[in-house]
Amino acid sequence: MPPRVATAESPPENGKPLMRTMDWINRRAVSSTGRQAGQATLLICLLFATPLASPAGELRLLDGTTRQGEPVSLGNGELSLKGTDGKVIPIPLDAVLRWDLAPVPPRPPLEKFTDLELTDGTMLRCASLRVLEKSVEVMLAGGMKVTLPVDRVANLLMNGADDATRKDWETRLAQPRRRDMLGIMRQGALNSLEGTLGSGDGEGKTIGFTPQGIDREARVPLTSLHGLAFERAPDPNLDPLQCRLLDTGGNRLAAAAVTLANGVWTVRLSGKLELVYPAAGSGGLVPARLDFSRGKLAYLSDMEPVLVVDPVKEDPSRFRAGPSRDRNLDMKPLRISGVTYNKGLGLSATTVLEYELGGEFREFRCLAGFDDTVSGAGGTMLLVEGDGRELFRRQLTRDGSRSATAVAVAVKDVKKLRVSVLPTGDGLSLGYGCHLHLGDARVSK
């Protein structure tokens, strides 16, 4: 269950509830001494870890194909793989969607961890941390020590491993505010206080906080913190993203540039900090996935159609849901021929969806078929049109085979893409029981 909430975001007239909270903080405060610990770059040093073999990677390309091979290099707009035959193959990054290098952990390899988000959107999973005067020292999940400037920190959540706690914290972060925010747990209740966050102490045990309406700073023990958030203006100097990097510790990096040379991965974050992964053979964290799809690929389930013809709205007697995103029409995982698709669409017959592409994409792809668990009868017709011209038409039938049909349609210069599912067959013009599911429906550049 989410923590019980007791907020005090603005001081009441008599000030007593806020003062009681301040007294509680001060009773738990510890003395602090200052020392300067500012850092201009993100420093990484390897501590304890289990050695990891250099992984063989799977590369997913824009044209839908995959390549297997050992990572050799990355930089200057291309990457290279060594295949099983020993040959090194160069591949331009413009053609790459995703590079899977190691198993992606379902969650960080810790029962408890702290979420630390940077101003560029990087999310670090921390086993421990210390907030100093001008820097923050953290031990990452996976065994790396990180030191970064405190002015690059956006927020932190102490109990990031608890889903309910994280969801509650994300809700609070989304609420408008004009000041920093401090979250503390008191007698089982979460108190959210707005005010001004100060610096940490020399030992990394407390942080300063001046609540709104109070003219004195309290020293708050980090052990009493639920979370904190700095109110910072958007940074206009962030570098454009090259990719999103996920490592084996569950850390998610907003990378402006990634290089690989002699087994060493160097990542420059969008916020201009630098992170280095030592050679995999020496142990420690390694990159698990590099996602280059930003700006190259868009899933239809993530896009808002400019036109929707929903047969369920037109005919309430239909018992299934209207167009479904990333689920089947029974609102369960989308699964065709034994393959589960995390992205895709579920469409009843006579559904029409139209998307604004603006002439920016080159190809539409999907795997069309009948979901393994959604019952129905009759065949369907998948129709794809671009700017009023028919680009693709295919009839699919339930003839005992539920295998997916690969669809690839050129959409270069197409401004509006229309996807329609039509009923076919004997007396099924109304489309009752007819439907189609599109796994990984996407457009790419």
Protein backbone atom coordinates (compact mmCIF):
# COMPACT_ATOMS: atom_id res chain seq x y z
CA MET A 1 0.00 0.00 0.00
CA PRO A 2 1.20 3.57 -0.67
CA PRO A 3 2.44 5.48 2.42
CA ARG A 4 -0.19 7.36 4.41
CA VAL A 5 -0.02 11.00 3.34
CA ALA A 6 0.26 14.00 5.62
CA THR A 7 1.25 17.07 3.64
CA ALA A 8 2.27 20.53 4.77
CA GLU A 9 3.24 22.22 1.54
CA SER A 10 2.36 25.72 2.71
CA PRO A 11 2.43 27.06 6.31
CA PRO A 12 -0.92 27.39 8.15
CA GLU A 13 -1.70 30.71 9.78
CA ASN A 14 -0.65 29.64 13.26
CA GLY A 15 2.37 27.74 11.95
CA LYS A 16 2.09 25.05 14.65
CA PRO A 17 1.95 21.88 12.50
CA LEU A 18 4.98 23.01 10.51
CA MET A 19 6.85 24.01 13.66
CA ARG A 20 6.20 20.59 15.19
CA THR A 21 7.67 19.01 12.06
CA MET A 22 10.68 21.33 12.29
CA ASP A 23 11.17 20.43 15.95
CA TRP A 24 11.04 16.75 15.02
CA ILE A 25 13.67 17.30 12.34
CA ASN A 26 15.92 19.27 14.67
CA ARG A 27 15.75 16.65 17.42
CA ARG A 28 17.14 14.16 14.93
CA ALA A 29 19.69 16.45 13.35
CA VAL A 30 23.37 15.82 13.79
CA SER A 31 26.27 18.26 13.81
CA SER A 32 28.02 18.82 10.55
CA THR A 33 31.31 20.18 9.28
CA GLY A 34 31.86 21.56 5.82
CA ARG A 35 34.37 20.56 3.24
CA GLN A 36 34.48 21.33 -0.45
CA ALA A 37 33.94 18.33 -2.69
CA GLY A 38 32.85 19.77 -6.00
CA GLN A 39 33.49 17.75 -9.09
CA ALA A 40 33.53 18.90 -12.72
CA THR A 41 33.03 15.45 -14.15
CA LEU A 42 31.41 12.20 -13.18
CA LEU A 43 34.11 9.97 -11.75
CA ILE A 44 33.77 6.21 -11.85
CA CYS A 45 36.02 3.78 -10.03
CA LEU A 46 35.53 0.03 -10.02
CA LEU A 47 35.13 -1.62 -6.62
CA PHE A 48 34.06 -5.21 -5.92
CA ALA A 49 32.34 -7.13 -8.71
CA THR A 50 32.22 -10.54 -10.34
CA PRO A 51 34.17 -10.80 -13.60
CA LEU A 52 31.98 -10.85 -16.69
CA ALA A 53 32.83 -12.31 -20.06
CA SER A 54 32.60 -10.09 -23.09
CA PRO A 55 29.05 -10.71 -24.39
CA ALA A 56 28.02 -11.50 -27.92
CA GLY A 57 25.52 -8.90 -29.09
CA GLU A 58 22.39 -8.91 -31.19
CA LEU A 59 21.94 -5.88 -33.39
CA ARG A 60 18.48 -4.83 -34.59
CA LEU A 61 18.47 -2.75 -37.77
CA LEU A 62 15.94 -0.37 -39.27
CA ASP A 63 15.19 -2.76 -42.11
CA GLY A 64 13.94 -5.36 -39.63
CA THR A 65 16.97 -7.66 -39.85
CA THR A 66 19.29 -8.66 -37.02
CA ARG A 67 23.03 -9.28 -36.82
CA GLN A 68 24.92 -11.37 -34.28
CA GLY A 69 28.47 -10.74 -33.20
CA GLU A 70 30.94 -9.66 -30.58
CA PRO A 71 31.21 -5.86 -30.06
CA VAL A 72 34.50 -4.52 -31.39
CA SER A 73 34.20 -0.73 -31.61
CA LEU A 74 31.77 2.17 -31.58
CA GLY A 75 32.44 5.74 -32.65
CA ASN A 76 32.56 8.18 -35.55
CA GLY A 77 29.04 7.32 -36.65
CA GLU A 78 29.46 3.56 -36.93
CA LEU A 79 29.89 0.38 -34.91
CA SER A 80 31.63 -2.87 -35.74
CA LEU A 81 30.92 -6.50 -34.88
CA LYS A 82 33.09 -9.60 -35.10
CA GLY A 83 31.06 -12.47 -36.51
CA THR A 84 31.49 -16.17 -35.80
CA ASP A 85 33.71 -16.36 -38.88
CA GLY A 86 36.09 -13.84 -37.34
CA LYS A 87 35.30 -11.10 -39.84
CA VAL A 88 34.72 -7.56 -38.54
CA ILE A 89 31.63 -5.92 -40.02
CA PRO A 90 31.19 -2.10 -39.90
CA ILE A 91 27.61 -0.83 -39.66
CA PRO A 92 26.51 2.85 -39.79
CA LEU A 93 24.61 4.01 -36.70
CA ASP A 94 21.92 5.55 -38.89
CA ALA A 95 20.83 2.00 -39.72
CA VAL A 96 20.74 0.79 -36.09
CA LEU A 97 17.69 0.59 -33.84
CA ARG A 98 18.98 -1.33 -30.83
CA TRP A 99 22.07 -3.15 -29.67
CA ASP A 100 21.50 -5.91 -27.10
CA LEU A 101 24.79 -6.76 -25.42
CA ALA A 102 23.90 -8.61 -22.22
CA PRO A 103 20.76 -9.88 -20.46
CA VAL A 104 18.65 -6.95 -19.30
CA PRO A 105 17.92 -7.28 -15.57
CA PRO A 106 14.20 -7.14 -14.69
CA ARG A 107 15.22 -4.94 -11.75
CA PRO A 108 18.51 -3.85 -10.14
CA PRO A 109 20.41 -6.66 -8.37
CA LEU A 110 19.50 -5.29 -4.92
CA GLU A 111 16.53 -5.75 -2.59
CA LYS A 112 16.74 -2.07 -1.63
CA PHE A 113 18.12 0.83 -3.61
CA THR A 114 17.83 4.59 -4.02
CA ASP A 115 16.68 6.15 -7.29
CA LEU A 116 18.80 9.18 -8.21
CA GLU A 117 17.64 11.15 -11.26
CA LEU A 118 19.89 13.70 -12.96
CA THR A 119 18.75 16.84 -14.73
CA ASP A 120 19.25 15.23 -18.16
CA GLY A 121 16.92 12.32 -17.34
CA THR A 122 19.62 9.81 -16.40
CA MET A 123 18.41 7.45 -13.65
CA LEU A 124 20.98 5.84 -11.35
CA ARG A 125 20.17 2.92 -9.04
CA CYS A 126 22.20 3.36 -5.86
CA ALA A 127 23.06 0.91 -3.10
CA SER A 128 24.10 3.84 -0.88
CA LEU A 129 24.77 7.57 -1.14
CA ARG A 130 26.23 10.55 0.69
CA VAL A 131 25.22 14.16 0.02
CA LEU A 132 28.24 16.41 0.60
CA GLU A 133 28.59 20.19 0.27
CA LYS A 134 28.88 20.38 -3.50
CA SER A 135 28.80 16.77 -4.60
CA VAL A 136 26.98 13.49 -4.14
CA GLU A 137 28.83 10.21 -3.67
CA VAL A 138 26.92 7.05 -4.52
CA MET A 139 27.61 3.35 -4.76
CA LEU A 140 25.76 2.03 -7.80
CA ALA A 141 23.89 -1.23 -7.83
CA GLY A 142 26.51 -3.48 -9.36
CA GLY A 143 29.60 -2.17 -7.61
CA MET A 144 30.76 1.22 -8.89
CA LYS A 145 31.44 4.34 -6.89
CA VAL A 146 30.18 7.56 -8.50
CA THR A 147 30.85 11.17 -7.58
CA LEU A 148 28.86 13.91 -9.33
CA PRO A 149 28.11 17.61 -8.79
CA VAL A 150 25.02 18.22 -6.69
CA ASP A 151 23.75 20.81 -9.19
CA ARG A 152 23.22 17.96 -11.69
CA VAL A 153 20.81 16.16 -9.33
CA ALA A 154 17.10 16.56 -10.07
CA ASN A 155 15.62 14.34 -7.36
CA LEU A 156 16.16 11.19 -5.34
CA LEU A 157 13.90 8.58 -3.79
CA MET A 158 15.29 6.51 -0.95
CA ASN A 159 13.10 3.42 -1.37
CA GLY A 160 13.12 3.04 -5.13
CA ALA A 161 12.64 -0.73 -4.95
CA ASP A 162 9.04 -0.42 -3.73
CA ASP A 163 6.65 0.03 -6.66
CA ALA A 164 3.91 1.76 -4.62
CA THR A 165 6.41 4.17 -3.07
CA ARG A 166 7.92 5.01 -6.46
CA LYS A 167 4.50 5.59 -8.05
CA ASP A 168 3.48 7.88 -5.18
CA TRP A 169 6.73 9.83 -5.50
CA GLU A 170 6.33 10.22 -9.27
CA THR A 171 2.83 11.62 -8.69
CA ARG A 172 4.25 14.22 -6.30
CA LEU A 173 7.03 15.17 -8.71
CA ALA A 174 4.46 15.79 -11.44
CA GLN A 175 2.56 18.33 -9.33
CA PRO A 176 3.43 21.99 -10.02
CA ARG A 177 5.58 23.71 -7.41
CA ARG A 178 7.86 26.74 -7.16
CA ARG A 179 10.31 25.52 -4.54
CA ASP A 180 12.40 22.51 -3.66
CA MET A 181 10.61 19.61 -1.99
CA LEU A 182 11.58 17.42 0.94
CA GLY A 183 9.80 14.18 1.80
CA ILE A 184 10.15 12.71 5.30
CA MET A 185 8.43 9.82 7.02
CA ARG A 186 6.98 10.61 10.44
CA GLN A 187 5.02 8.03 12.41
CA GLY A 188 4.26 6.10 9.24
CA ALA A 189 2.99 9.15 7.34
CA LEU A 190 4.71 10.92 4.45
CA ASN A 191 5.17 14.66 4.92
CA SER A 192 5.93 16.68 1.77
CA LEU A 193 7.45 20.05 2.60
CA GLU A 194 8.25 22.82 0.14
CA GLY A 195 11.15 25.14 0.82
CA THR A 196 14.83 25.54 -0.04
CA LEU A 197 17.32 22.69 0.06
CA GLY A 198 20.78 23.59 1.28
CA SER A 199 24.07 21.75 1.10
CA GLY A 200 25.12 18.49 2.66
CA ASP A 201 27.68 18.28 5.41
CA GLY A 202 31.27 17.11 5.27
CA GLU A 203 30.35 13.62 6.44
CA GLY A 204 27.39 13.08 4.13
CA LYS A 205 24.96 12.49 6.99
CA THR A 206 22.66 15.53 6.82
CA ILE A 207 21.33 18.09 4.35
CA GLY A 208 20.12 21.62 5.03
CA PHE A 209 16.47 22.53 4.49
CA THR A 210 14.59 25.80 5.06
CA PRO A 211 10.80 25.27 4.88
CA GLN A 212 8.60 27.84 3.21
CA GLY A 213 7.59 30.47 5.78
CA ILE A 214 10.43 29.66 8.20
CA ASP A 215 13.54 31.83 8.47
CA ARG A 216 15.95 29.23 9.82
CA GLU A 217 17.61 26.18 8.30
CA ALA A 218 17.27 22.72 9.78
CA ARG A 219 19.77 19.92 9.33
CA VAL A 220 17.85 16.86 8.13
CA PRO A 221 19.43 13.41 8.64
CA LEU A 222 19.59 11.46 5.39
CA THR A 223 18.38 8.42 7.33
CA SER A 224 15.07 10.28 7.88
CA LEU A 225 14.59 11.17 4.22
CA HIS A 226 11.91 9.64 2.03
CA GLY A 227 13.04 11.74 -0.94
CA LEU A 228 14.02 15.19 -2.12
CA ALA A 229 13.58 17.19 -5.32
CA PHE A 230 15.30 20.35 -6.50
CA GLU A 231 13.21 22.89 -8.37
CA ARG A 232 15.48 23.61 -11.34
CA ALA A 233 14.82 25.43 -14.58
CA PRO A 234 15.21 23.30 -17.74
CA ASP A 235 18.84 23.21 -18.85
CA PRO A 236 19.09 24.81 -22.32
CA ASN A 237 22.63 23.46 -22.72
CA LEU A 238 21.80 19.75 -22.73
CA ASP A 239 23.39 17.90 -25.64
CA PRO A 240 21.08 16.01 -28.05
CA LEU A 241 20.57 12.33 -27.25
CA GLN A 242 22.37 9.73 -29.33
CA CYS A 243 20.84 6.78 -27.47
CA ARG A 244 19.47 5.47 -24.19
CA LEU A 245 21.85 3.07 -22.43
CA LEU A 246 20.75 0.46 -19.89
CA ASP A 247 23.46 -1.38 -17.97
CA THR A 248 23.49 -4.62 -15.99
CA GLY A 249 22.91 -2.71 -12.74
CA GLY A 250 19.62 -1.24 -13.96
CA ASN A 251 21.09 2.24 -14.48
CA ARG A 252 19.48 4.15 -17.38
CA LEU A 253 21.70 6.73 -19.04
CA ALA A 254 20.71 9.58 -21.36
CA ALA A 255 23.75 9.36 -23.64
CA ALA A 256 24.85 12.12 -26.01
CA ALA A 257 27.78 10.02 -27.21
CA VAL A 258 28.98 6.46 -26.62
CA THR A 259 32.32 5.03 -27.70
CA LEU A 260 33.86 1.57 -27.43
CA ALA A 261 37.59 1.10 -27.83
CA ASN A 262 39.80 -1.73 -26.53
CA GLY A 263 36.91 -3.10 -24.50
CA VAL A 264 36.30 0.17 -22.63
CA TRP A 265 32.93 1.91 -22.95
CA THR A 266 32.90 5.68 -22.51
CA VAL A 267 29.56 7.46 -22.18
CA ARG A 268 29.10 11.22 -22.34
CA LEU A 269 25.74 12.08 -20.87
CA SER A 270 23.41 14.70 -22.28
CA GLY A 271 24.30 16.80 -19.23
CA LYS A 272 27.98 16.67 -20.29
CA LEU A 273 29.10 14.35 -17.49
CA GLU A 274 31.23 11.36 -18.41
CA LEU A 275 30.92 7.74 -17.28
CA VAL A 276 33.42 5.00 -18.06
CA TYR A 277 32.81 1.25 -17.99
CA PRO A 278 36.14 -0.59 -17.68
CA ALA A 279 36.87 -3.56 -19.92
CA ALA A 280 34.33 -6.33 -19.33
CA GLY A 281 37.05 -8.86 -18.67
CA SER A 282 38.13 -6.93 -15.56
CA GLY A 283 34.71 -7.25 -13.95
CA GLY A 284 32.01 -4.74 -13.01
CA LEU A 285 28.98 -3.27 -14.71
CA VAL A 286 28.68 -3.46 -18.47
CA PRO A 287 26.19 -1.97 -20.94
CA ALA A 288 23.25 -4.31 -21.50
CA ARG A 289 21.32 -2.41 -24.17
CA LEU A 290 21.81 0.66 -26.35
CA ASP A 291 18.56 2.01 -27.80
CA PHE A 292 19.17 4.16 -30.88
CA SER A 293 15.52 4.25 -31.98
CA ARG A 294 14.78 7.79 -30.79
CA GLY A 295 13.75 9.80 -33.84
CA LYS A 296 14.25 6.80 -36.15
CA LEU A 297 11.24 4.71 -35.22
CA ALA A 298 7.75 5.30 -33.84
CA TYR A 299 5.25 2.67 -32.73
CA LEU A 300 1.68 3.33 -33.81
CA SER A 301 0.51 2.45 -30.30
CA ASP A 302 2.55 5.42 -29.00
CA MET A 303 1.16 7.83 -31.61
CA GLU A 304 -2.16 9.67 -31.46
CA PRO A 305 -4.27 9.00 -34.56
CA VAL A 306 -5.82 12.05 -36.22
CA LEU A 307 -8.80 9.93 -37.29
CA VAL A 308 -10.44 7.00 -35.48
CA VAL A 309 -13.41 5.00 -36.78
CA ASP A 310 -14.29 2.76 -33.84
CA PRO A 311 -16.94 0.11 -34.55
CA VAL A 312 -17.64 -0.31 -30.85
CA LYS A 313 -18.77 3.30 -30.60
CA GLU A 314 -20.82 2.92 -33.76
CA ASP A 315 -22.44 -0.32 -32.56
CA PRO A 316 -22.61 -0.77 -28.75
CA SER A 317 -23.82 -4.37 -29.18
CA ARG A 318 -20.24 -5.43 -29.90
CA PHE A 319 -18.77 -7.00 -26.80
CA ARG A 320 -15.07 -6.34 -27.36
CA ALA A 321 -13.09 -3.22 -26.66
CA GLY A 322 -12.32 -0.70 -29.36
CA PRO A 323 -8.77 -0.28 -30.73
CA SER A 324 -6.37 -1.56 -28.07
CA ARG A 325 -2.79 -0.40 -27.56
CA ASP A 326 -0.07 -2.87 -26.59
CA ARG A 327 -2.76 -5.38 -25.50
CA ASN A 328 -5.10 -7.72 -27.32
CA LEU A 329 -8.81 -7.03 -27.65
CA ASP A 330 -9.45 -8.87 -24.37
CA MET A 331 -6.96 -6.47 -22.73
CA LYS A 332 -4.44 -9.24 -22.15
CA PRO A 333 -0.85 -9.59 -23.46
CA LEU A 334 -0.75 -9.52 -27.26
CA ARG A 335 0.41 -12.94 -28.47
CA ILE A 336 0.50 -14.29 -32.03
CA SER A 337 1.76 -17.78 -32.87
CA GLY A 338 3.39 -18.14 -29.47
CA VAL A 339 5.25 -14.82 -29.68
CA THR A 340 4.35 -12.06 -27.21
CA TYR A 341 4.57 -8.49 -28.50
CA ASN A 342 5.08 -5.65 -26.03
CA LYS A 343 4.01 -3.16 -28.70
CA GLY A 344 1.14 -3.45 -31.11
CA LEU A 345 -2.55 -2.87 -31.86
CA GLY A 346 -5.74 -4.87 -31.53
CA LEU A 347 -8.35 -3.92 -34.15
CA SER A 348 -11.90 -5.14 -34.67
CA ALA A 349 -13.19 -5.32 -38.24
CA THR A 350 -14.35 -1.96 -39.69
CA THR A 351 -11.80 -0.09 -37.54
CA VAL A 352 -9.97 2.75 -39.30
CA LEU A 353 -6.95 4.58 -37.86
CA GLU A 354 -5.17 7.47 -39.58
CA TYR A 355 -1.81 8.88 -38.50
CA GLU A 356 0.03 12.07 -39.41
CA LEU A 357 3.50 11.15 -40.69
CA GLY A 358 4.39 14.46 -42.32
CA GLY A 359 6.51 12.75 -44.98
CA GLU A 360 9.22 11.99 -42.41
CA PHE A 361 9.21 8.17 -42.49
CA ARG A 362 10.26 5.62 -45.08
CA GLU A 363 8.60 2.35 -44.09
CA PHE A 364 5.66 0.86 -42.20
CA ARG A 365 6.12 -2.62 -40.73
CA CYS A 366 4.10 -5.01 -38.57
CA LEU A 367 3.36 -8.67 -38.01
CA ALA A 368 -0.35 -9.19 -38.68
CA GLY A 369 -2.31 -12.14 -37.38
CA PHE A 370 -4.87 -13.54 -34.98
CA ASP A 371 -4.14 -13.41 -31.26
CA ASP A 372 -3.66 -16.85 -29.70
CA THR A 373 -6.27 -16.28 -26.97
CA VAL A 374 -8.89 -14.06 -28.64
CA SER A 375 -11.70 -16.08 -30.18
CA GLY A 376 -13.42 -15.10 -33.40
CA ALA A 377 -14.68 -16.26 -36.76
CA GLY A 378 -14.13 -15.41 -40.39
CA GLY A 379 -11.31 -13.70 -42.19
CA THR A 380 -10.23 -10.10 -42.32
CA MET A 381 -8.65 -7.75 -44.79
CA LEU A 382 -5.76 -5.48 -43.81
CA LEU A 383 -5.68 -2.32 -45.92
CA VAL A 384 -2.89 0.27 -45.74
CA GLU A 385 -3.26 3.60 -47.56
CA GLY A 386 -1.03 6.63 -47.89
CA ASP A 387 -2.47 10.04 -48.77
CA GLY A 388 -5.54 8.33 -50.25
CA ARG A 389 -3.57 5.80 -52.35
CA GLU A 390 -3.73 2.07 -51.68
CA LEU A 391 -0.30 0.81 -50.64
CA PHE A 392 -1.06 -2.67 -49.32
CA ARG A 393 -3.99 -5.09 -49.21
CA ARG A 394 -3.93 -8.60 -47.77
CA GLN A 395 -6.64 -11.04 -46.76
CA LEU A 396 -5.93 -13.15 -43.68
CA THR A 397 -7.97 -16.23 -42.79
CA ARG A 398 -8.27 -18.60 -39.86
CA ASP A 399 -7.41 -21.73 -41.87
CA GLY A 400 -5.86 -23.57 -38.96
CA SER A 401 -2.66 -21.53 -39.05
CA ARG A 402 -2.19 -18.66 -36.63
CA SER A 403 1.26 -17.65 -37.86
CA ALA A 404 1.84 -13.93 -38.26
CA THR A 405 2.12 -12.34 -41.70
CA ALA A 406 5.06 -9.98 -42.12
CA VAL A 407 3.98 -6.64 -43.58
CA ALA A 408 6.45 -4.12 -45.04
CA VAL A 409 5.13 -1.05 -46.86
CA ALA A 410 7.15 1.86 -48.29
CA VAL A 411 5.74 5.17 -46.99
CA LYS A 412 8.38 7.61 -48.22
CA ASP A 413 6.90 11.13 -48.55
CA VAL A 414 3.53 9.93 -47.18
CA LYS A 415 1.92 12.59 -45.03
CA LYS A 416 -1.10 10.61 -43.78
CA LEU A 417 -1.05 6.87 -43.17
CA ARG A 418 -4.38 5.05 -42.88
CA VAL A 419 -4.70 1.51 -41.50
CA SER A 420 -8.06 -0.26 -41.91
CA VAL A 421 -9.32 -3.71 -40.93
CA LEU A 422 -12.23 -4.93 -43.07
CA PRO A 423 -14.42 -8.04 -42.76
CA THR A 424 -14.45 -10.65 -45.51
CA GLY A 425 -16.39 -13.81 -46.22
CA ASP A 426 -19.89 -15.16 -46.11
CA GLY A 427 -22.42 -12.79 -44.64
CA LEU A 428 -19.86 -11.17 -42.38
CA SER A 429 -20.11 -7.67 -43.80
CA LEU A 430 -20.88 -6.31 -40.33
CA GLY A 431 -17.66 -7.80 -39.03
CA TYR A 432 -19.00 -9.45 -35.87
CA GLY A 433 -16.28 -11.71 -34.46
CA CYS A 434 -13.75 -10.52 -37.05
CA HIS A 435 -10.61 -8.84 -35.82
CA LEU A 436 -6.87 -8.57 -36.39
CA HIS A 437 -3.83 -7.89 -34.23
CA LEU A 438 -0.72 -6.05 -35.44
CA GLY A 439 2.43 -6.90 -33.52
CA ASP A 440 5.24 -4.32 -33.46
CA ALA A 441 3.27 -1.96 -35.74
CA ARG A 442 5.73 0.85 -36.43
CA VAL A 443 7.04 3.41 -38.89
CA SER A 444 10.76 4.02 -39.37
CA LYS A 445 13.00 6.54 -41.08
